[in-house]
Amino acid sequence: MPITSAAGAGAYSAIAKLGGNALGEAKPAAPLQGGTEFSDIVESLLTNVTQSGEAMQTQAANLASGKADTLDLVTAVAETELAVETLVTIRDRVISAYQEILNMPI
């Protein structure tokens, strides 16, 4: 399943909902009814990065053998890039949140 820009935006909004709103207000500590676990989101992102990377490799092999168009490869590369950028953004936000927690006075 290739990552689309809509899927990337959906993943980003899911993380934004977990992390609080634009004003920095924290969400309740208790899990929300029907909510998504953070580990499920990370697993889904990793799966999407892996699948889009495999699709890119397949398209590159198809292009080399003359079975695919250059546009197909460019699209696969763009989807992989979007998936990786989404994953890196989430990683950076998690690290930032962790550092903020470490800097809180006790």
PDB file of N, CA and C in Angstrom:
ATOM      1  N   MET A   1       0.841  -1.174   0.000  1.00  0.00           N
ATOM      2  CA  MET A   1       0.000   0.000   0.000  1.00  0.00           C
ATOM      3  C   MET A   1       0.885   1.235   0.000  1.00  0.00           C
ATOM      4  N   PRO A   2       0.960   1.956  -1.103  1.00  0.00           N
ATOM      5  CA  PRO A   2       1.803   3.139  -1.170  1.00  0.00           C
ATOM      6  C   PRO A   2       1.221   4.284  -0.336  1.00  0.00           C
ATOM      7  N   ILE A   3       2.096   5.096   0.163  1.00  0.00           N
ATOM      8  CA  ILE A   3       1.707   6.265   0.949  1.00  0.00           C
ATOM      9  C   ILE A   3       1.311   7.381  -0.009  1.00  0.00           C
ATOM     10  N   THR A   4       0.197   7.995   0.268  1.00  0.00           N
ATOM     11  CA  THR A   4      -0.222   9.158  -0.505  1.00  0.00           C
ATOM     12  C   THR A   4      -0.095  10.386   0.381  1.00  0.00           C
ATOM     13  N   SER A   5      -0.238  11.548  -0.214  1.00  0.00           N
ATOM     14  CA  SER A   5      -0.155  12.755   0.602  1.00  0.00           C
ATOM     15  C   SER A   5      -1.307  12.809   1.596  1.00  0.00           C
ATOM     16  N   ALA A   6      -2.454  12.249   1.229  1.00  0.00           N
ATOM     17  CA  ALA A   6      -3.581  12.218   2.162  1.00  0.00           C
ATOM     18  C   ALA A   6      -3.280  11.323   3.349  1.00  0.00           C
ATOM     19  N   ALA A   7      -2.606  10.192   3.097  1.00  0.00           N
ATOM     20  CA  ALA A   7      -2.238   9.295   4.194  1.00  0.00           C
ATOM     21  C   ALA A   7      -1.216   9.969   5.109  1.00  0.00           C
ATOM     22  N   GLY A   8      -0.278  10.685   4.518  1.00  0.00           N
ATOM     23  CA  GLY A   8       0.708  11.405   5.320  1.00  0.00           C
ATOM     24  C   GLY A   8       0.060  12.480   6.174  1.00  0.00           C
ATOM     25  N   ALA A   9      -0.889  13.198   5.590  1.00  0.00           N
ATOM     26  CA  ALA A   9      -1.602  14.229   6.348  1.00  0.00           C
ATOM     27  C   ALA A   9      -2.440  13.600   7.448  1.00  0.00           C
ATOM     28  N   GLY A  10      -3.030  12.434   7.164  1.00  0.00           N
ATOM     29  CA  GLY A  10      -3.815  11.737   8.182  1.00  0.00           C
ATOM     30  C   GLY A  10      -2.948  11.285   9.334  1.00  0.00           C
ATOM     31  N   ALA A  11      -1.748  10.775   9.034  1.00  0.00           N
ATOM     32  CA  ALA A  11      -0.827  10.349  10.087  1.00  0.00           C
ATOM     33  C   ALA A  11      -0.384  11.546  10.923  1.00  0.00           C
ATOM     34  N   TYR A  12      -0.107  12.656  10.251  1.00  0.00           N
ATOM     35  CA  TYR A  12       0.312  13.852  10.983  1.00  0.00           C
ATOM     36  C   TYR A  12      -0.807  14.356  11.887  1.00  0.00           C
ATOM     37  N   SER A  13      -2.056  14.356  11.403  1.00  0.00           N
ATOM     38  CA  SER A  13      -3.159  14.827  12.238  1.00  0.00           C
ATOM     39  C   SER A  13      -3.416  13.882  13.401  1.00  0.00           C
ATOM     40  N   ALA A  14      -3.189  12.566  13.194  1.00  0.00           N
ATOM     41  CA  ALA A  14      -3.354  11.613  14.301  1.00  0.00           C
ATOM     42  C   ALA A  14      -2.332  11.889  15.389  1.00  0.00           C
ATOM     43  N   ILE A  15      -1.103  12.184  15.001  1.00  0.00           N
ATOM     44  CA  ILE A  15      -0.067  12.503  15.982  1.00  0.00           C
ATOM     45  C   ILE A  15      -0.368  13.838  16.653  1.00  0.00           C
ATOM     46  N   ALA A  16      -0.858  14.804  15.902  1.00  0.00           N
ATOM     47  CA  ALA A  16      -1.196  16.105  16.479  1.00  0.00           C
ATOM     48  C   ALA A  16      -2.305  15.965  17.514  1.00  0.00           C
ATOM     49  N   LYS A  17      -3.281  15.099  17.248  1.00  0.00           N
ATOM     50  CA  LYS A  17      -4.355  14.872  18.208  1.00  0.00           C
ATOM     51  C   LYS A  17      -3.826  14.228  19.477  1.00  0.00           C
ATOM     52  N   LEU A  18      -2.857  13.324  19.337  1.00  0.00           N
ATOM     53  CA  LEU A  18      -2.280  12.683  20.511  1.00  0.00           C
ATOM     54  C   LEU A  18      -1.438  13.651  21.321  1.00  0.00           C
ATOM     55  N   GLY A  19      -0.763  14.569  20.636  1.00  0.00           N
ATOM     56  CA  GLY A  19       0.175  15.456  21.304  1.00  0.00           C
ATOM     57  C   GLY A  19      -0.425  16.731  21.848  1.00  0.00           C
ATOM     58  N   GLY A  20      -1.657  17.045  21.573  1.00  0.00           N
ATOM     59  CA  GLY A  20      -2.259  18.277  22.046  1.00  0.00           C
ATOM     60  C   GLY A  20      -2.551  19.210  20.893  1.00  0.00           C
ATOM     61  N   ASN A  21      -3.264  20.277  21.179  1.00  0.00           N
ATOM     62  CA  ASN A  21      -3.634  21.201  20.112  1.00  0.00           C
ATOM     63  C   ASN A  21      -2.553  22.244  19.888  1.00  0.00           C
ATOM     64  N   ALA A  22      -2.829  23.202  19.031  1.00  0.00           N
ATOM     65  CA  ALA A  22      -1.827  24.196  18.648  1.00  0.00           C
ATOM     66  C   ALA A  22      -1.406  25.080  19.816  1.00  0.00           C
ATOM     67  N   LEU A  23      -2.250  25.201  20.843  1.00  0.00           N
ATOM     68  CA  LEU A  23      -1.920  26.032  21.995  1.00  0.00           C
ATOM     69  C   LEU A  23      -1.065  25.288  23.008  1.00  0.00           C
ATOM     70  N   GLY A  24      -0.772  24.022  22.743  1.00  0.00           N
ATOM     71  CA  GLY A  24       0.076  23.257  23.633  1.00  0.00           C
ATOM     72  C   GLY A  24      -0.665  22.644  24.807  1.00  0.00           C
ATOM     73  N   GLU A  25      -1.989  22.619  24.780  1.00  0.00           N
ATOM     74  CA  GLU A  25      -2.733  22.022  25.864  1.00  0.00           C
ATOM     75  C   GLU A  25      -2.615  20.515  25.785  1.00  0.00           C
ATOM     76  N   ALA A  26      -2.300  19.897  26.901  1.00  0.00           N
ATOM     77  CA  ALA A  26      -2.109  18.449  26.918  1.00  0.00           C
ATOM     78  C   ALA A  26      -3.440  17.727  26.910  1.00  0.00           C
ATOM     79  N   LYS A  27      -3.434  16.547  26.342  1.00  0.00           N
ATOM     80  CA  LYS A  27      -4.606  15.685  26.346  1.00  0.00           C
ATOM     81  C   LYS A  27      -4.621  14.894  27.653  1.00  0.00           C
ATOM     82  N   PRO A  28      -5.781  14.339  28.033  1.00  0.00           N
ATOM     83  CA  PRO A  28      -5.833  13.542  29.245  1.00  0.00           C
ATOM     84  C   PRO A  28      -4.918  12.330  29.147  1.00  0.00           C
ATOM     85  N   ALA A  29      -4.399  11.888  30.301  1.00  0.00           N
ATOM     86  CA  ALA A  29      -3.475  10.759  30.328  1.00  0.00           C
ATOM     87  C   ALA A  29      -4.179   9.448  30.021  1.00  0.00           C
ATOM     88  N   ALA A  30      -5.451   9.330  30.388  1.00  0.00           N
ATOM     89  CA  ALA A  30      -6.183   8.086  30.144  1.00  0.00           C
ATOM     90  C   ALA A  30      -6.440   7.930  28.648  1.00  0.00           C
ATOM     91  N   PRO A  31      -6.352   6.681  28.150  1.00  0.00           N
ATOM     92  CA  PRO A  31      -6.619   6.484  26.725  1.00  0.00           C
ATOM     93  C   PRO A  31      -8.059   6.816  26.383  1.00  0.00           C
ATOM     94  N   LEU A  32      -8.254   7.421  25.251  1.00  0.00           N
ATOM     95  CA  LEU A  32      -9.589   7.792  24.803  1.00  0.00           C
ATOM     96  C   LEU A  32     -10.310   6.567  24.275  1.00  0.00           C
ATOM     97  N   GLN A  33     -11.619   6.580  24.371  1.00  0.00           N
ATOM     98  CA  GLN A  33     -12.403   5.475  23.836  1.00  0.00           C
ATOM     99  C   GLN A  33     -12.198   5.396  22.331  1.00  0.00           C
ATOM    100  N   GLY A  34     -11.853   4.229  21.837  1.00  0.00           N
ATOM    101  CA  GLY A  34     -11.674   4.061  20.399  1.00  0.00           C
ATOM    102  C   GLY A  34     -10.424   4.728  19.868  1.00  0.00           C
ATOM    103  N   GLY A  35      -9.518   5.173  20.752  1.00  0.00           N
ATOM    104  CA  GLY A  35      -8.304   5.843  20.325  1.00  0.00           C
ATOM    105  C   GLY A  35      -7.291   4.870  19.761  1.00  0.00           C
ATOM    106  N   THR A  36      -6.269   5.409  19.164  1.00  0.00           N
ATOM    107  CA  THR A  36      -5.216   4.607  18.578  1.00  0.00           C
ATOM    108  C   THR A  36      -3.996   4.663  19.485  1.00  0.00           C
ATOM    109  N   GLU A  37      -3.402   3.522  19.731  1.00  0.00           N
ATOM    110  CA  GLU A  37      -2.185   3.464  20.527  1.00  0.00           C
ATOM    111  C   GLU A  37      -1.026   4.052  19.726  1.00  0.00           C
ATOM    112  N   PHE A  38      -0.105   4.698  20.425  1.00  0.00           N
ATOM    113  CA  PHE A  38       1.045   5.296  19.767  1.00  0.00           C
ATOM    114  C   PHE A  38       1.880   4.224  19.066  1.00  0.00           C
ATOM    115  N   SER A  39       2.031   3.083  19.709  1.00  0.00           N
ATOM    116  CA  SER A  39       2.823   2.008  19.104  1.00  0.00           C
ATOM    117  C   SER A  39       2.192   1.532  17.797  1.00  0.00           C
ATOM    118  N   ASP A  40       0.853   1.547  17.720  1.00  0.00           N
ATOM    119  CA  ASP A  40       0.171   1.161  16.478  1.00  0.00           C
ATOM    120  C   ASP A  40       0.453   2.159  15.364  1.00  0.00           C
ATOM    121  N   ILE A  41       0.498   3.435  15.714  1.00  0.00           N
ATOM    122  CA  ILE A  41       0.783   4.471  14.728  1.00  0.00           C
ATOM    123  C   ILE A  41       2.210   4.326  14.214  1.00  0.00           C
ATOM    124  N   VAL A  42       3.161   4.106  15.123  1.00  0.00           N
ATOM    125  CA  VAL A  42       4.558   3.954  14.721  1.00  0.00           C
ATOM    126  C   VAL A  42       4.725   2.708  13.866  1.00  0.00           C
ATOM    127  N   GLU A  43       4.081   1.614  14.263  1.00  0.00           N
ATOM    128  CA  GLU A  43       4.161   0.385  13.477  1.00  0.00           C
ATOM    129  C   GLU A  43       3.597   0.592  12.075  1.00  0.00           C
ATOM    130  N   SER A  44       2.480   1.307  11.995  1.00  0.00           N
ATOM    131  CA  SER A  44       1.877   1.588  10.698  1.00  0.00           C
ATOM    132  C   SER A  44       2.801   2.440   9.829  1.00  0.00           C
ATOM    133  N   LEU A  45       3.429   3.436  10.430  1.00  0.00           N
ATOM    134  CA  LEU A  45       4.359   4.288   9.679  1.00  0.00           C
ATOM    135  C   LEU A  45       5.559   3.492   9.176  1.00  0.00           C
ATOM    136  N   LEU A  46       6.105   2.637  10.026  1.00  0.00           N
ATOM    137  CA  LEU A  46       7.245   1.823   9.611  1.00  0.00           C
ATOM    138  C   LEU A  46       6.863   0.869   8.489  1.00  0.00           C
ATOM    139  N   THR A  47       5.668   0.301   8.591  1.00  0.00           N
ATOM    140  CA  THR A  47       5.178  -0.592   7.533  1.00  0.00           C
ATOM    141  C   THR A  47       5.023   0.169   6.222  1.00  0.00           C
ATOM    142  N   ASN A  48       4.475   1.379   6.304  1.00  0.00           N
ATOM    143  CA  ASN A  48       4.285   2.189   5.094  1.00  0.00           C
ATOM    144  C   ASN A  48       5.621   2.577   4.460  1.00  0.00           C
ATOM    145  N   VAL A  49       6.613   2.906   5.295  1.00  0.00           N
ATOM    146  CA  VAL A  49       7.933   3.253   4.758  1.00  0.00           C
ATOM    147  C   VAL A  49       8.544   2.045   4.065  1.00  0.00           C
ATOM    148  N   THR A  50       8.427   0.891   4.707  1.00  0.00           N
ATOM    149  CA  THR A  50       8.982  -0.328   4.119  1.00  0.00           C
ATOM    150  C   THR A  50       8.301  -0.674   2.802  1.00  0.00           C
ATOM    151  N   GLN A  51       6.968  -0.619   2.795  1.00  0.00           N
ATOM    152  CA  GLN A  51       6.226  -0.969   1.583  1.00  0.00           C
ATOM    153  C   GLN A  51       6.496   0.009   0.450  1.00  0.00           C
ATOM    154  N   SER A  52       6.565   1.299   0.761  1.00  0.00           N
ATOM    155  CA  SER A  52       6.824   2.264  -0.304  1.00  0.00           C
ATOM    156  C   SER A  52       8.254   2.132  -0.815  1.00  0.00           C
ATOM    157  N   GLY A  53       9.198   1.773   0.062  1.00  0.00           N
ATOM    158  CA  GLY A  53      10.571   1.526  -0.377  1.00  0.00           C
ATOM    159  C   GLY A  53      10.652   0.318  -1.298  1.00  0.00           C
ATOM    160  N   GLU A  54       9.913  -0.734  -0.944  1.00  0.00           N
ATOM    161  CA  GLU A  54       9.886  -1.923  -1.806  1.00  0.00           C
ATOM    162  C   GLU A  54       9.242  -1.613  -3.154  1.00  0.00           C
ATOM    163  N   ALA A  55       8.185  -0.795  -3.137  1.00  0.00           N
ATOM    164  CA  ALA A  55       7.532  -0.410  -4.391  1.00  0.00           C
ATOM    165  C   ALA A  55       8.483   0.402  -5.260  1.00  0.00           C
ATOM    166  N   MET A  56       9.280   1.263  -4.620  1.00  0.00           N
ATOM    167  CA  MET A  56      10.248   2.063  -5.362  1.00  0.00           C
ATOM    168  C   MET A  56      11.294   1.161  -6.004  1.00  0.00           C
ATOM    169  N   GLN A  57      11.778   0.173  -5.256  1.00  0.00           N
ATOM    170  CA  GLN A  57      12.775  -0.742  -5.809  1.00  0.00           C
ATOM    171  C   GLN A  57      12.196  -1.548  -6.975  1.00  0.00           C
ATOM    172  N   THR A  58      10.944  -1.961  -6.843  1.00  0.00           N
ATOM    173  CA  THR A  58      10.288  -2.697  -7.918  1.00  0.00           C
ATOM    174  C   THR A  58      10.167  -1.835  -9.172  1.00  0.00           C
ATOM    175  N   GLN A  59       9.761  -0.582  -8.995  1.00  0.00           N
ATOM    176  CA  GLN A  59       9.636   0.324 -10.136  1.00  0.00           C
ATOM    177  C   GLN A  59      10.990   0.592 -10.782  1.00  0.00           C
ATOM    178  N   ALA A  60      12.042   0.702  -9.962  1.00  0.00           N
ATOM    179  CA  ALA A  60      13.383   0.926 -10.521  1.00  0.00           C
ATOM    180  C   ALA A  60      13.818  -0.280 -11.353  1.00  0.00           C
ATOM    181  N   ALA A  61      13.534  -1.476 -10.840  1.00  0.00           N
ATOM    182  CA  ALA A  61      13.882  -2.690 -11.598  1.00  0.00           C
ATOM    183  C   ALA A  61      13.059  -2.771 -12.882  1.00  0.00           C
ATOM    184  N   ASN A  62      11.778  -2.407 -12.800  1.00  0.00           N
ATOM    185  CA  ASN A  62      10.926  -2.424 -13.990  1.00  0.00           C
ATOM    186  C   ASN A  62      11.389  -1.400 -15.023  1.00  0.00           C
ATOM    187  N   LEU A  63      11.831  -0.254 -14.563  1.00  0.00           N
ATOM    188  CA  LEU A  63      12.336   0.765 -15.485  1.00  0.00           C
ATOM    189  C   LEU A  63      13.617   0.284 -16.159  1.00  0.00           C
ATOM    190  N   ALA A  64      14.488  -0.359 -15.394  1.00  0.00           N
ATOM    191  CA  ALA A  64      15.742  -0.855 -15.952  1.00  0.00           C
ATOM    192  C   ALA A  64      15.500  -1.933 -17.010  1.00  0.00           C
ATOM    193  N   SER A  65      14.435  -2.722 -16.804  1.00  0.00           N
ATOM    194  CA  SER A  65      14.142  -3.784 -17.775  1.00  0.00           C
ATOM    195  C   SER A  65      13.213  -3.311 -18.891  1.00  0.00           C
ATOM    196  N   GLY A  66      12.793  -2.051 -18.834  1.00  0.00           N
ATOM    197  CA  GLY A  66      11.948  -1.491 -19.884  1.00  0.00           C
ATOM    198  C   GLY A  66      10.470  -1.773 -19.714  1.00  0.00           C
ATOM    199  N   LYS A  67      10.055  -2.232 -18.529  1.00  0.00           N
ATOM    200  CA  LYS A  67       8.648  -2.571 -18.296  1.00  0.00           C
ATOM    201  C   LYS A  67       7.860  -1.436 -17.650  1.00  0.00           C
ATOM    202  N   ALA A  68       8.522  -0.370 -17.291  1.00  0.00           N
ATOM    203  CA  ALA A  68       7.832   0.730 -16.604  1.00  0.00           C
ATOM    204  C   ALA A  68       8.248   2.060 -17.211  1.00  0.00           C
ATOM    205  N   ASP A  69       7.447   3.066 -16.915  1.00  0.00           N
ATOM    206  CA  ASP A  69       7.694   4.422 -17.380  1.00  0.00           C
ATOM    207  C   ASP A  69       8.474   5.178 -16.307  1.00  0.00           C
ATOM    208  N   THR A  70       9.188   6.203 -16.694  1.00  0.00           N
ATOM    209  CA  THR A  70       9.943   7.026 -15.745  1.00  0.00           C
ATOM    210  C   THR A  70       9.009   7.680 -14.738  1.00  0.00           C
ATOM    211  N   LEU A  71       7.818   8.051 -15.173  1.00  0.00           N
ATOM    212  CA  LEU A  71       6.845   8.681 -14.277  1.00  0.00           C
ATOM    213  C   LEU A  71       6.475   7.757 -13.123  1.00  0.00           C
ATOM    214  N   ASP A  72       6.369   6.456 -13.388  1.00  0.00           N
ATOM    215  CA  ASP A  72       6.062   5.500 -12.327  1.00  0.00           C
ATOM    216  C   ASP A  72       7.157   5.493 -11.261  1.00  0.00           C
ATOM    217  N   LEU A  73       8.402   5.537 -11.689  1.00  0.00           N
ATOM    218  CA  LEU A  73       9.519   5.558 -10.743  1.00  0.00           C
ATOM    219  C   LEU A  73       9.546   6.855  -9.958  1.00  0.00           C
ATOM    220  N   VAL A  74       9.337   7.969 -10.632  1.00  0.00           N
ATOM    221  CA  VAL A  74       9.342   9.266  -9.947  1.00  0.00           C
ATOM    222  C   VAL A  74       8.225   9.308  -8.900  1.00  0.00           C
ATOM    223  N   THR A  75       7.058   8.768  -9.237  1.00  0.00           N
ATOM    224  CA  THR A  75       5.948   8.730  -8.285  1.00  0.00           C
ATOM    225  C   THR A  75       6.297   7.853  -7.086  1.00  0.00           C
ATOM    226  N   ALA A  76       6.895   6.701  -7.319  1.00  0.00           N
ATOM    227  CA  ALA A  76       7.278   5.810  -6.229  1.00  0.00           C
ATOM    228  C   ALA A  76       8.330   6.454  -5.331  1.00  0.00           C
ATOM    229  N   VAL A  77       9.281   7.162  -5.924  1.00  0.00           N
ATOM    230  CA  VAL A  77      10.307   7.849  -5.136  1.00  0.00           C
ATOM    231  C   VAL A  77       9.674   8.949  -4.288  1.00  0.00           C
ATOM    232  N   ALA A  78       8.743   9.699  -4.858  1.00  0.00           N
ATOM    233  CA  ALA A  78       8.072  10.774  -4.114  1.00  0.00           C
ATOM    234  C   ALA A  78       7.260  10.212  -2.951  1.00  0.00           C
ATOM    235  N   GLU A  79       6.588   9.089  -3.169  1.00  0.00           N
ATOM    236  CA  GLU A  79       5.809   8.477  -2.092  1.00  0.00           C
ATOM    237  C   GLU A  79       6.716   7.978  -0.974  1.00  0.00           C
ATOM    238  N   THR A  80       7.845   7.409  -1.342  1.00  0.00           N
ATOM    239  CA  THR A  80       8.801   6.948  -0.334  1.00  0.00           C
ATOM    240  C   THR A  80       9.377   8.122   0.439  1.00  0.00           C
ATOM    241  N   GLU A  81       9.692   9.191  -0.271  1.00  0.00           N
ATOM    242  CA  GLU A  81      10.225  10.383   0.389  1.00  0.00           C
ATOM    243  C   GLU A  81       9.217  10.960   1.381  1.00  0.00           C
ATOM    244  N   LEU A  82       7.952  10.997   1.014  1.00  0.00           N
ATOM    245  CA  LEU A  82       6.914  11.493   1.901  1.00  0.00           C
ATOM    246  C   LEU A  82       6.793  10.611   3.146  1.00  0.00           C
ATOM    247  N   ALA A  83       6.843   9.310   2.962  1.00  0.00           N
ATOM    248  CA  ALA A  83       6.746   8.391   4.095  1.00  0.00           C
ATOM    249  C   ALA A  83       7.916   8.573   5.050  1.00  0.00           C
ATOM    250  N   VAL A  84       9.111   8.714   4.514  1.00  0.00           N
ATOM    251  CA  VAL A  84      10.293   8.895   5.362  1.00  0.00           C
ATOM    252  C   VAL A  84      10.243  10.244   6.074  1.00  0.00           C
ATOM    253  N   GLU A  85       9.842  11.292   5.373  1.00  0.00           N
ATOM    254  CA  GLU A  85       9.741  12.616   5.997  1.00  0.00           C
ATOM    255  C   GLU A  85       8.711  12.614   7.123  1.00  0.00           C
ATOM    256  N   THR A  86       7.599  11.922   6.933  1.00  0.00           N
ATOM    257  CA  THR A  86       6.583  11.822   7.980  1.00  0.00           C
ATOM    258  C   THR A  86       7.155  11.122   9.199  1.00  0.00           C
ATOM    259  N   LEU A  87       7.862  10.032   8.982  1.00  0.00           N
ATOM    260  CA  LEU A  87       8.461   9.274  10.079  1.00  0.00           C
ATOM    261  C   LEU A  87       9.502  10.110  10.814  1.00  0.00           C
ATOM    262  N   VAL A  88      10.328  10.836  10.089  1.00  0.00           N
ATOM    263  CA  VAL A  88      11.358  11.676  10.709  1.00  0.00           C
ATOM    264  C   VAL A  88      10.720  12.810  11.504  1.00  0.00           C
ATOM    265  N   THR A  89       9.651  13.402  10.987  1.00  0.00           N
ATOM    266  CA  THR A  89       8.958  14.475  11.698  1.00  0.00           C
ATOM    267  C   THR A  89       8.392  13.973  13.018  1.00  0.00           C
ATOM    268  N   ILE A  90       7.795  12.802  12.988  1.00  0.00           N
ATOM    269  CA  ILE A  90       7.237  12.232  14.221  1.00  0.00           C
ATOM    270  C   ILE A  90       8.358  11.909  15.200  1.00  0.00           C
ATOM    271  N   ARG A  91       9.447  11.350  14.707  1.00  0.00           N
ATOM    272  CA  ARG A  91      10.588  11.060  15.575  1.00  0.00           C
ATOM    273  C   ARG A  91      11.099  12.333  16.244  1.00  0.00           C
ATOM    274  N   ASP A  92      11.234  13.406  15.472  1.00  0.00           N
ATOM    275  CA  ASP A  92      11.717  14.671  16.018  1.00  0.00           C
ATOM    276  C   ASP A  92      10.779  15.223  17.081  1.00  0.00           C
ATOM    277  N   ARG A  93       9.467  15.089  16.849  1.00  0.00           N
ATOM    278  CA  ARG A  93       8.503  15.592  17.838  1.00  0.00           C
ATOM    279  C   ARG A  93       8.533  14.768  19.109  1.00  0.00           C
ATOM    280  N   VAL A  94       8.720  13.462  18.991  1.00  0.00           N
ATOM    281  CA  VAL A  94       8.810  12.605  20.174  1.00  0.00           C
ATOM    282  C   VAL A  94      10.057  12.946  20.974  1.00  0.00           C
ATOM    283  N   ILE A  95      11.178  13.134  20.290  1.00  0.00           N
ATOM    284  CA  ILE A  95      12.418  13.496  20.982  1.00  0.00           C
ATOM    285  C   ILE A  95      12.273  14.849  21.665  1.00  0.00           C
ATOM    286  N   SER A  96      11.651  15.795  20.989  1.00  0.00           N
ATOM    287  CA  SER A  96      11.432  17.119  21.580  1.00  0.00           C
ATOM    288  C   SER A  96      10.560  17.030  22.828  1.00  0.00           C
ATOM    289  N   ALA A  97       9.499  16.244  22.761  1.00  0.00           N
ATOM    290  CA  ALA A  97       8.618  16.081  23.919  1.00  0.00           C
ATOM    291  C   ALA A  97       9.366  15.419  25.070  1.00  0.00           C
ATOM    292  N   TYR A  98      10.194  14.432  24.777  1.00  0.00           N
ATOM    293  CA  TYR A  98      10.975  13.751  25.801  1.00  0.00           C
ATOM    294  C   TYR A  98      11.946  14.729  26.464  1.00  0.00           C
ATOM    295  N   GLN A  99      12.592  15.573  25.664  1.00  0.00           N
ATOM    296  CA  GLN A  99      13.524  16.548  26.225  1.00  0.00           C
ATOM    297  C   GLN A  99      12.798  17.564  27.102  1.00  0.00           C
ATOM    298  N   GLU A 100      11.594  17.955  26.712  1.00  0.00           N
ATOM    299  CA  GLU A 100      10.809  18.871  27.538  1.00  0.00           C
ATOM    300  C   GLU A 100      10.466  18.232  28.880  1.00  0.00           C
ATOM    301  N   ILE A 101      10.123  16.961  28.856  1.00  0.00           N
ATOM    302  CA  ILE A 101       9.800  16.253  30.099  1.00  0.00           C
ATOM    303  C   ILE A 101      11.034  16.191  30.991  1.00  0.00           C
ATOM    304  N   LEU A 102      12.196  15.929  30.407  1.00  0.00           N
ATOM    305  CA  LEU A 102      13.429  15.866  31.200  1.00  0.00           C
ATOM    306  C   LEU A 102      13.761  17.210  31.828  1.00  0.00           C
ATOM    307  N   ASN A 103      13.417  18.299  31.170  1.00  0.00           N
ATOM    308  CA  ASN A 103      13.748  19.636  31.671  1.00  0.00           C
ATOM    309  C   ASN A 103      12.721  20.196  32.648  1.00  0.00           C
ATOM    310  N   MET A 104      11.641  19.459  32.897  1.00  0.00           N
ATOM    311  CA  MET A 104      10.630  19.938  33.849  1.00  0.00           C
ATOM    312  C   MET A 104      11.178  19.902  35.273  1.00  0.00           C
ATOM    313  N   PRO A 105      10.883  20.944  36.033  1.00  0.00           N
ATOM    314  CA  PRO A 105      11.321  20.916  37.443  1.00  0.00           C
ATOM    315  C   PRO A 105      10.490  19.905  38.234  1.00  0.00           C
ATOM    316  N   ILE A 106      11.139  19.301  39.197  1.00  0.00           N
ATOM    317  CA  ILE A 106      10.443  18.287  40.014  1.00  0.00           C
ATOM    318  C   ILE A 106       9.870  18.939  41.251  1.00  0.00           C
TER     319      ILE A 106
END
